[in-house]
């Protein structure tokens, strides 16, 4: 029988790095790495959506077949921080609404567990729907259930009436509800003003432990890390780089990530004659991404919208100045250290804002006006592994010494 002071935790998430998608869910993996060492046991349930076009009959048949093999096929493997990972497919018909997705995750997680509840005192889900709902409905009686909401697409979720109903019930039923940025809070408070006092804020954890081989000397090698989509501003980034490269042919750009614009951007790079200066390696593992940060001079992140901006903090932790847009998260994350860390620019639908921001930043950098050490110290105190882990422990295990 477990003692009352046991510290057993589980995480339920739709996103976690896989061989096929090594960068997806890296922020969840970081949270696990930070918090698992302080727990007696820690299990990550990765409810991996496998999406395919299926009608109602096919969906029922596929799910039933999946349920029969899931308990035998899914197995525990070591993951970050000494935790164990159980990854299993959640068969999902393409176009399924968010409310239906949530009930789907709830049902298929229960199948994996053989109808038994999650064996943990604390269950922490990432994103309210579908994983928060699945966690709440599969937690054992008396367990504490927490949710961290990261989703930048909540307004789209709330266009589904069933999803709104489930989310309301979720926020009522959980022990604690956490967000990573002000933009998410604003959407939730608009939709559920009666739950506003339940919303707390704990950021994603960032490691500051790996030093850079040598400090940045000039801002010649640019790096972008993220999805290759329109809302990330990558089209304007390539155009802005082309302008700056015309002024300084020693500049290079590595644009890391997958998405619908990777093919068109590859073609555009060729049209601009930048094939030797621009690399688009696709998606890479998180550890390799961190190595690239320690090997490049400048992180450029021209997103149209961000809830937090974890990559920006990781870049500064790796000793890189940053050129980022005021897109919701970064201006909050870098409050008080904007000039020390790099350059913030407004969200504009043009390349000029990025290229002009780069010229200002490079001049300031070469003039010695940045103070990356101060920026790193401030961010480590707010977002370092130890700081974030302790914030979670105070919620998860309030009676522990």
Foldseek 3Di string as FASTA:
>chain_A
DDDPQAFFEEEEEQWDADPVFQPTPVLVLLLCQLAVLVHPAYEYEHAHEDEDADDPVRLVVVLVVQLVCLLVPWDWDAGHNRYTYTYGYQYHYPPDAQLVQQVSLLVSVCSNVVNAADPGLEYEYEACTNGLSSNLNRHDPNHAYEYEYFDPCVVVNVVDVSSLVSSVVSLVRHPAYEYAADVVLVVCCVSCVVSNVRYYYFHRAEALPDEQPDAADFQAEEEEDDAPDVQFVVVLVLVLVLVVCVVPVSHAYEYEEYDDCPVVVVVVCVVSVNPVRYHYPYRDHPVVVLVVLSVHAEYETEGQAGRACPVLLSSLSSNHAYEYEVHGHPCVLCPPQCQQRFHYFYRDPHNVRRNVSVVVRRVCVNVVRHNSVVSNVVNCCRRHSNNSNVVVCCSNRVPHD
